[in-house]
Amino acid sequence: VPASGIALIIGVDRILDMSRTAINVTGDLTACV
C-alpha cells in the first residue's frame, strides 16, 4: 500500500488516537488486576 494513503486517514487520526489510548490504559489496569 502506498504510504501516501495515510493522507486519507490523517484527518480523523487524532480522534481515534484518543480512543485507542483510553483502551491502552484500560489494558494496563486489567493486567495489574
Full PDB file with SEQRES, HELIX, SHEET, SSBOND, CRYST1, ORIGX, SCALE, CONECT and MASTER records, all heavy atoms in Angstrom:
SEQRES   1 A   33  VAL PRO ALA SER GLY ILE ALA LEU ILE ILE GLY VAL ASP          
SEQRES   2 A   33  ARG ILE LEU ASP MET SER ARG THR ALA ILE ASN VAL THR          
SEQRES   3 A   33  GLY ASP LEU THR ALA CYS VAL                                  
HELIX    1 AA1 ALA A    3  LEU A    8  5                                   6    
HELIX    2 AA2 ILE A   10  CYS A   32  1                                  23    
CRYST1    1.000    1.000    1.000  90.00  90.00  90.00 P 1           1          
ORIGX1      1.000000  0.000000  0.000000        0.00000                         
ORIGX2      0.000000  1.000000  0.000000        0.00000                         
ORIGX3      0.000000  0.000000  1.000000        0.00000                         
SCALE1      1.000000  0.000000  0.000000        0.00000                         
SCALE2      0.000000  1.000000  0.000000        0.00000                         
SCALE3      0.000000  0.000000  1.000000        0.00000                         
ATOM      1  N   VAL A   1       0.859  -1.184   0.000  1.00  0.00           N  
ATOM      2  CA  VAL A   1       0.000   0.000   0.000  1.00  0.00           C  
ATOM      3  C   VAL A   1       0.895   1.233   0.000  1.00  0.00           C  
ATOM      4  O   VAL A   1       1.806   1.339   0.827  1.00  0.00           O  
ATOM      5  CB  VAL A   1      -0.918   0.018   1.233  1.00  0.00           C  
ATOM      6  CG1 VAL A   1      -1.739   1.303   1.277  1.00  0.00           C  
ATOM      7  CG2 VAL A   1      -1.840  -1.187   1.218  1.00  0.00           C  
ATOM      8  N   PRO A   2       0.663   2.185  -0.893  1.00  0.00           N  
ATOM      9  CA  PRO A   2       1.495   3.394  -0.893  1.00  0.00           C  
ATOM     10  C   PRO A   2       1.360   4.170   0.408  1.00  0.00           C  
ATOM     11  O   PRO A   2       0.257   4.324   0.936  1.00  0.00           O  
ATOM     12  CB  PRO A   2       0.954   4.207  -2.079  1.00  0.00           C  
ATOM     13  CG  PRO A   2      -0.418   3.676  -2.325  1.00  0.00           C  
ATOM     14  CD  PRO A   2      -0.379   2.226  -1.946  1.00  0.00           C  
ATOM     15  N   ALA A   3       2.502   4.643   0.924  1.00  0.00           N  
ATOM     16  CA  ALA A   3       2.483   5.382   2.184  1.00  0.00           C  
ATOM     17  C   ALA A   3       1.649   6.652   2.087  1.00  0.00           C  
ATOM     18  O   ALA A   3       1.125   7.143   3.089  1.00  0.00           O  
ATOM     19  CB  ALA A   3       3.913   5.731   2.610  1.00  0.00           C  
ATOM     20  N   SER A   4       1.492   7.163   0.879  1.00  0.00           N  
ATOM     21  CA  SER A   4       0.686   8.368   0.698  1.00  0.00           C  
ATOM     22  C   SER A   4      -0.783   8.130   1.042  1.00  0.00           C  
ATOM     23  O   SER A   4      -1.542   9.072   1.265  1.00  0.00           O  
ATOM     24  CB  SER A   4       0.786   8.858  -0.751  1.00  0.00           C  
ATOM     25  OG  SER A   4       0.361   7.847  -1.653  1.00  0.00           O  
ATOM     26  N   GLY A   5      -1.190   6.855   1.127  1.00  0.00           N  
ATOM     27  CA  GLY A   5      -2.560   6.552   1.502  1.00  0.00           C  
ATOM     28  C   GLY A   5      -2.912   6.994   2.904  1.00  0.00           C  
ATOM     29  O   GLY A   5      -4.086   7.155   3.251  1.00  0.00           O  
ATOM     30  N   ILE A   6      -1.879   7.216   3.718  1.00  0.00           N  
ATOM     31  CA  ILE A   6      -2.110   7.689   5.081  1.00  0.00           C  
ATOM     32  C   ILE A   6      -2.803   9.045   5.065  1.00  0.00           C  
ATOM     33  O   ILE A   6      -3.513   9.407   6.006  1.00  0.00           O  
ATOM     34  CB  ILE A   6      -0.776   7.764   5.852  1.00  0.00           C  
ATOM     35  CG1 ILE A   6      -0.235   6.351   6.066  1.00  0.00           C  
ATOM     36  CG2 ILE A   6      -0.931   8.461   7.180  1.00  0.00           C  
ATOM     37  CD1 ILE A   6       1.064   6.299   6.796  1.00  0.00           C  
ATOM     38  N   ALA A   7      -2.615   9.789   3.978  1.00  0.00           N  
ATOM     39  CA  ALA A   7      -3.253  11.108   3.880  1.00  0.00           C  
ATOM     40  C   ALA A   7      -4.761  11.012   4.034  1.00  0.00           C  
ATOM     41  O   ALA A   7      -5.413  11.951   4.501  1.00  0.00           O  
ATOM     42  CB  ALA A   7      -2.903  11.752   2.535  1.00  0.00           C  
ATOM     43  N   LEU A   8      -5.323   9.857   3.678  1.00  0.00           N  
ATOM     44  CA  LEU A   8      -6.778   9.682   3.747  1.00  0.00           C  
ATOM     45  C   LEU A   8      -7.266   9.605   5.188  1.00  0.00           C  
ATOM     46  O   LEU A   8      -8.385  10.027   5.481  1.00  0.00           O  
ATOM     47  CB  LEU A   8      -7.176   8.411   2.989  1.00  0.00           C  
ATOM     48  CG  LEU A   8      -8.675   8.116   2.871  1.00  0.00           C  
ATOM     49  CD1 LEU A   8      -9.364   9.217   2.064  1.00  0.00           C  
ATOM     50  CD2 LEU A   8      -8.899   6.759   2.221  1.00  0.00           C  
ATOM     51  N   ILE A   9      -6.449   9.079   6.077  1.00  0.00           N  
ATOM     52  CA  ILE A   9      -6.909   8.871   7.449  1.00  0.00           C  
ATOM     53  C   ILE A   9      -6.307   9.850   8.449  1.00  0.00           C  
ATOM     54  O   ILE A   9      -6.644   9.804   9.635  1.00  0.00           O  
ATOM     55  CB  ILE A   9      -6.603   7.427   7.911  1.00  0.00           C  
ATOM     56  CG1 ILE A   9      -5.093   7.166   7.890  1.00  0.00           C  
ATOM     57  CG2 ILE A   9      -7.327   6.421   7.046  1.00  0.00           C  
ATOM     58  CD1 ILE A   9      -4.722   5.805   8.409  1.00  0.00           C  
ATOM     59  N   ILE A  10      -5.430  10.736   7.970  1.00  0.00           N  
ATOM     60  CA  ILE A  10      -4.812  11.692   8.889  1.00  0.00           C  
ATOM     61  C   ILE A  10      -5.865  12.590   9.542  1.00  0.00           C  
ATOM     62  O   ILE A  10      -5.771  12.925  10.728  1.00  0.00           O  
ATOM     63  CB  ILE A  10      -3.753  12.545   8.150  1.00  0.00           C  
ATOM     64  CG1 ILE A  10      -2.462  11.739   7.962  1.00  0.00           C  
ATOM     65  CG2 ILE A  10      -3.455  13.822   8.922  1.00  0.00           C  
ATOM     66  CD1 ILE A  10      -1.377  12.488   7.238  1.00  0.00           C  
ATOM     67  N   GLY A  11      -6.879  12.969   8.794  1.00  0.00           N  
ATOM     68  CA  GLY A  11      -7.875  13.898   9.314  1.00  0.00           C  
ATOM     69  C   GLY A  11      -8.614  13.397  10.537  1.00  0.00           C  
ATOM     70  O   GLY A  11      -8.981  14.187  11.411  1.00  0.00           O  
ATOM     71  N   VAL A  12      -8.828  12.078  10.614  1.00  0.00           N  
ATOM     72  CA  VAL A  12      -9.574  11.526  11.749  1.00  0.00           C  
ATOM     73  C   VAL A  12      -8.662  10.773  12.709  1.00  0.00           C  
ATOM     74  O   VAL A  12      -9.147  10.158  13.674  1.00  0.00           O  
ATOM     75  CB  VAL A  12     -10.684  10.576  11.249  1.00  0.00           C  
ATOM     76  CG1 VAL A  12     -11.701  11.342  10.428  1.00  0.00           C  
ATOM     77  CG2 VAL A  12     -10.102   9.423  10.426  1.00  0.00           C  
ATOM     78  N   ASP A  13      -7.358  10.819  12.486  1.00  0.00           N  
ATOM     79  CA  ASP A  13      -6.446  10.030  13.312  1.00  0.00           C  
ATOM     80  C   ASP A  13      -6.459  10.481  14.762  1.00  0.00           C  
ATOM     81  O   ASP A  13      -6.398   9.661  15.673  1.00  0.00           O  
ATOM     82  CB  ASP A  13      -5.023  10.108  12.754  1.00  0.00           C  
ATOM     83  CG  ASP A  13      -4.034   9.348  13.624  1.00  0.00           C  
ATOM     84  OD1 ASP A  13      -4.110   8.105  13.648  1.00  0.00           O  
ATOM     85  OD2 ASP A  13      -3.211   9.995  14.298  1.00  0.00           O  
ATOM     86  N   ARG A  14      -6.534  11.788  15.006  1.00  0.00           N  
ATOM     87  CA  ARG A  14      -6.435  12.258  16.396  1.00  0.00           C  
ATOM     88  C   ARG A  14      -7.621  11.772  17.231  1.00  0.00           C  
ATOM     89  O   ARG A  14      -7.461  11.399  18.398  1.00  0.00           O  
ATOM     90  CB  ARG A  14      -6.342  13.785  16.440  1.00  0.00           C  
ATOM     91  CG  ARG A  14      -6.027  14.343  17.835  1.00  0.00           C  
ATOM     92  CD  ARG A  14      -4.702  13.781  18.341  1.00  0.00           C  
ATOM     93  NE  ARG A  14      -4.481  14.062  19.740  1.00  0.00           N  
ATOM     94  CZ  ARG A  14      -3.915  15.178  20.197  1.00  0.00           C  
ATOM     95  NH1 ARG A  14      -3.532  16.112  19.354  1.00  0.00           N  
ATOM     96  NH2 ARG A  14      -3.740  15.355  21.480  1.00  0.00           N  
ATOM     97  N   ILE A  15      -8.816  11.778  16.651  1.00  0.00           N  
ATOM     98  CA  ILE A  15      -9.973  11.280  17.374  1.00  0.00           C  
ATOM     99  C   ILE A  15      -9.788   9.808  17.725  1.00  0.00           C  
ATOM    100  O   ILE A  15     -10.070   9.370  18.857  1.00  0.00           O  
ATOM    101  CB  ILE A  15     -11.255  11.462  16.534  1.00  0.00           C  
ATOM    102  CG1 ILE A  15     -11.509  12.952  16.264  1.00  0.00           C  
ATOM    103  CG2 ILE A  15     -12.444  10.825  17.227  1.00  0.00           C  
ATOM    104  CD1 ILE A  15     -11.815  13.753  17.499  1.00  0.00           C  
ATOM    105  N   LEU A  16      -9.305   9.025  16.772  1.00  0.00           N  
ATOM    106  CA  LEU A  16      -9.074   7.601  17.024  1.00  0.00           C  
ATOM    107  C   LEU A  16      -7.891   7.395  17.962  1.00  0.00           C  
ATOM    108  O   LEU A  16      -7.873   6.433  18.741  1.00  0.00           O  
ATOM    109  CB  LEU A  16      -8.838   6.866  15.706  1.00  0.00           C  
ATOM    110  CG  LEU A  16     -10.014   6.890  14.720  1.00  0.00           C  
ATOM    111  CD1 LEU A  16      -9.654   6.148  13.437  1.00  0.00           C  
ATOM    112  CD2 LEU A  16     -11.250   6.278  15.352  1.00  0.00           C  
ATOM    113  N   ASP A  17      -6.903   8.284  17.898  1.00  0.00           N  
ATOM    114  CA  ASP A  17      -5.760   8.227  18.798  1.00  0.00           C  
ATOM    115  C   ASP A  17      -6.230   8.358  20.242  1.00  0.00           C  
ATOM    116  O   ASP A  17      -5.784   7.634  21.137  1.00  0.00           O  
ATOM    117  CB  ASP A  17      -4.773   9.353  18.447  1.00  0.00           C  
ATOM    118  CG  ASP A  17      -3.415   9.147  19.104  1.00  0.00           C  
ATOM    119  OD1 ASP A  17      -3.231   8.121  19.784  1.00  0.00           O  
ATOM    120  OD2 ASP A  17      -2.546  10.024  18.942  1.00  0.00           O  
ATOM    121  N   MET A  18      -7.137   9.282  20.479  1.00  0.00           N  
ATOM    122  CA  MET A  18      -7.679   9.481  21.814  1.00  0.00           C  
ATOM    123  C   MET A  18      -8.413   8.232  22.296  1.00  0.00           C  
ATOM    124  O   MET A  18      -8.250   7.810  23.451  1.00  0.00           O  
ATOM    125  CB  MET A  18      -8.630  10.684  21.803  1.00  0.00           C  
ATOM    126  CG  MET A  18      -7.940  11.992  21.438  1.00  0.00           C  
ATOM    127  SD  MET A  18      -9.087  13.254  20.851  1.00  0.00           S  
ATOM    128  CE  MET A  18     -10.003  13.603  22.351  1.00  0.00           C  
ATOM    129  N   SER A  19      -9.180   7.627  21.407  1.00  0.00           N  
ATOM    130  CA  SER A  19      -9.978   6.453  21.787  1.00  0.00           C  
ATOM    131  C   SER A  19      -9.090   5.249  22.082  1.00  0.00           C  
ATOM    132  O   SER A  19      -9.295   4.537  23.075  1.00  0.00           O  
ATOM    133  CB  SER A  19     -10.960   6.118  20.663  1.00  0.00           C  
ATOM    134  OG  SER A  19     -11.804   7.211  20.375  1.00  0.00           O  
ATOM    135  N   ARG A  20      -8.096   5.008  21.218  1.00  0.00           N  
ATOM    136  CA  ARG A  20      -7.260   3.829  21.433  1.00  0.00           C  
ATOM    137  C   ARG A  20      -6.361   3.995  22.663  1.00  0.00           C  
ATOM    138  O   ARG A  20      -6.013   3.001  23.305  1.00  0.00           O  
ATOM    139  CB  ARG A  20      -6.430   3.525  20.191  1.00  0.00           C  
ATOM    140  CG  ARG A  20      -5.445   4.588  19.768  1.00  0.00           C  
ATOM    141  CD  ARG A  20      -4.737   4.174  18.474  1.00  0.00           C  
ATOM    142  NE  ARG A  20      -3.776   5.155  18.012  1.00  0.00           N  
ATOM    143  CZ  ARG A  20      -3.964   5.978  16.991  1.00  0.00           C  
ATOM    144  NH1 ARG A  20      -5.110   5.941  16.330  1.00  0.00           N  
ATOM    145  NH2 ARG A  20      -3.029   6.835  16.614  1.00  0.00           N  
ATOM    146  N   THR A  21      -5.998   5.231  23.010  1.00  0.00           N  
ATOM    147  CA  THR A  21      -5.193   5.452  24.209  1.00  0.00           C  
ATOM    148  C   THR A  21      -5.988   5.098  25.457  1.00  0.00           C  
ATOM    149  O   THR A  21      -5.446   4.525  26.410  1.00  0.00           O  
ATOM    150  CB  THR A  21      -4.720   6.907  24.286  1.00  0.00           C  
ATOM    151  OG1 THR A  21      -3.990   7.240  23.107  1.00  0.00           O  
ATOM    152  CG2 THR A  21      -3.815   7.120  25.493  1.00  0.00           C  
ATOM    153  N   ALA A  22      -7.269   5.428  25.471  1.00  0.00           N  
ATOM    154  CA  ALA A  22      -8.129   5.071  26.600  1.00  0.00           C  
ATOM    155  C   ALA A  22      -8.184   3.557  26.780  1.00  0.00           C  
ATOM    156  O   ALA A  22      -8.182   3.039  27.908  1.00  0.00           O  
ATOM    157  CB  ALA A  22      -9.529   5.641  26.400  1.00  0.00           C  
ATOM    158  N   ILE A  23      -8.212   2.827  25.661  1.00  0.00           N  
ATOM    159  CA  ILE A  23      -8.223   1.363  25.738  1.00  0.00           C  
ATOM    160  C   ILE A  23      -6.856   0.838  26.168  1.00  0.00           C  
ATOM    161  O   ILE A  23      -6.761  -0.151  26.912  1.00  0.00           O  
ATOM    162  CB  ILE A  23      -8.628   0.763  24.379  1.00  0.00           C  
ATOM    163  CG1 ILE A  23     -10.026   1.228  23.993  1.00  0.00           C  
ATOM    164  CG2 ILE A  23      -8.562  -0.756  24.423  1.00  0.00           C  
ATOM    165  CD1 ILE A  23     -11.105   0.846  24.978  1.00  0.00           C  
ATOM    166  N   ASN A  24      -5.786   1.483  25.721  1.00  0.00           N  
ATOM    167  CA  ASN A  24      -4.439   1.060  26.118  1.00  0.00           C  
ATOM    168  C   ASN A  24      -4.278   1.074  27.637  1.00  0.00           C  
ATOM    169  O   ASN A  24      -3.775   0.113  28.231  1.00  0.00           O  
ATOM    170  CB  ASN A  24      -3.381   1.971  25.482  1.00  0.00           C  
ATOM    171  CG  ASN A  24      -3.188   1.699  24.000  1.00  0.00           C  
ATOM    172  OD1 ASN A  24      -3.556   0.645  23.496  1.00  0.00           O  
ATOM    173  ND2 ASN A  24      -2.605   2.652  23.297  1.00  0.00           N  
ATOM    174  N   VAL A  25      -4.680   2.171  28.280  1.00  0.00           N  
ATOM    175  CA  VAL A  25      -4.503   2.279  29.735  1.00  0.00           C  
ATOM    176  C   VAL A  25      -5.451   1.323  30.461  1.00  0.00           C  
ATOM    177  O   VAL A  25      -5.116   0.829  31.544  1.00  0.00           O  
ATOM    178  CB  VAL A  25      -4.700   3.728  30.216  1.00  0.00           C  
ATOM    179  CG1 VAL A  25      -3.673   4.650  29.580  1.00  0.00           C  
ATOM    180  CG2 VAL A  25      -6.104   4.233  29.946  1.00  0.00           C  
ATOM    181  N   THR A  26      -6.616   1.060  29.873  1.00  0.00           N  
ATOM    182  CA  THR A  26      -7.516   0.070  30.466  1.00  0.00           C  
ATOM    183  C   THR A  26      -6.871  -1.305  30.445  1.00  0.00           C  
ATOM    184  O   THR A  26      -7.002  -2.084  31.399  1.00  0.00           O  
ATOM    185  CB  THR A  26      -8.857   0.031  29.702  1.00  0.00           C  
ATOM    186  OG1 THR A  26      -9.420   1.337  29.646  1.00  0.00           O  
ATOM    187  CG2 THR A  26      -9.844  -0.899  30.393  1.00  0.00           C  
ATOM    188  N   GLY A  27      -6.148  -1.607  29.362  1.00  0.00           N  
ATOM    189  CA  GLY A  27      -5.426  -2.867  29.284  1.00  0.00           C  
ATOM    190  C   GLY A  27      -4.344  -2.986  30.343  1.00  0.00           C  
ATOM    191  O   GLY A  27      -4.125  -4.069  30.907  1.00  0.00           O  
ATOM    192  N   ASP A  28      -3.651  -1.874  30.634  1.00  0.00           N  
ATOM    193  CA  ASP A  28      -2.625  -1.886  31.678  1.00  0.00           C  
ATOM    194  C   ASP A  28      -3.240  -2.178  33.047  1.00  0.00           C  
ATOM    195  O   ASP A  28      -2.697  -2.963  33.834  1.00  0.00           O  
ATOM    196  CB  ASP A  28      -1.891  -0.544  31.712  1.00  0.00           C  
ATOM    197  CG  ASP A  28      -1.128  -0.259  30.435  1.00  0.00           C  
ATOM    198  OD1 ASP A  28      -0.856  -1.218  29.678  1.00  0.00           O  
ATOM    199  OD2 ASP A  28      -0.819   0.922  30.176  1.00  0.00           O  
ATOM    200  N   LEU A  29      -4.373  -1.530  33.342  1.00  0.00           N  
ATOM    201  CA  LEU A  29      -5.034  -1.746  34.630  1.00  0.00           C  
ATOM    202  C   LEU A  29      -5.602  -3.156  34.726  1.00  0.00           C  
ATOM    203  O   LEU A  29      -5.592  -3.770  35.801  1.00  0.00           O  
ATOM    204  CB  LEU A  29      -6.141  -0.708  34.825  1.00  0.00           C  
ATOM    205  CG  LEU A  29      -5.648   0.735  34.984  1.00  0.00           C  
ATOM    206  CD1 LEU A  29      -6.817   1.711  35.006  1.00  0.00           C  
ATOM    207  CD2 LEU A  29      -4.835   0.884  36.272  1.00  0.00           C  
ATOM    208  N   THR A  30      -6.085  -3.690  33.602  1.00  0.00           N  
ATOM    209  CA  THR A  30      -6.557  -5.077  33.586  1.00  0.00           C  
ATOM    210  C   THR A  30      -5.418  -6.030  33.892  1.00  0.00           C  
ATOM    211  O   THR A  30      -5.580  -6.991  34.658  1.00  0.00           O  
ATOM    212  CB  THR A  30      -7.165  -5.416  32.210  1.00  0.00           C  
ATOM    213  OG1 THR A  30      -8.246  -4.528  31.932  1.00  0.00           O  
ATOM    214  CG2 THR A  30      -7.665  -6.846  32.174  1.00  0.00           C  
ATOM    215  N   ALA A  31      -4.252  -5.768  33.317  1.00  0.00           N  
ATOM    216  CA  ALA A  31      -3.082  -6.605  33.572  1.00  0.00           C  
ATOM    217  C   ALA A  31      -2.697  -6.570  35.050  1.00  0.00           C  
ATOM    218  O   ALA A  31      -2.311  -7.600  35.627  1.00  0.00           O  
ATOM    219  CB  ALA A  31      -1.906  -6.145  32.707  1.00  0.00           C  
ATOM    220  N   CYS A  32      -2.796  -5.399  35.669  1.00  0.00           N  
ATOM    221  CA  CYS A  32      -2.498  -5.283  37.107  1.00  0.00           C  
ATOM    222  C   CYS A  32      -3.415  -6.177  37.927  1.00  0.00           C  
ATOM    223  O   CYS A  32      -2.971  -6.907  38.826  1.00  0.00           O  
ATOM    224  CB  CYS A  32      -2.653  -3.833  37.560  1.00  0.00           C  
ATOM    225  SG  CYS A  32      -1.362  -2.716  36.997  1.00  0.00           S  
ATOM    226  N   VAL A  33      -4.711  -6.124  37.632  1.00  0.00           N  
ATOM    227  CA  VAL A  33      -5.684  -6.925  38.369  1.00  0.00           C  
ATOM    228  C   VAL A  33      -5.432  -8.419  38.158  1.00  0.00           C  
ATOM    229  O   VAL A  33      -5.447  -9.213  39.106  1.00  0.00           O  
ATOM    230  CB  VAL A  33      -7.118  -6.554  37.942  1.00  0.00           C  
ATOM    231  CG1 VAL A  33      -8.130  -7.494  38.579  1.00  0.00           C  
ATOM    232  CG2 VAL A  33      -7.431  -5.115  38.327  1.00  0.00           C  
TER     233      VAL A  33                                                      
MASTER        0    0    0    2    0    0    0    6  232    1    0    3          
END                                                                             
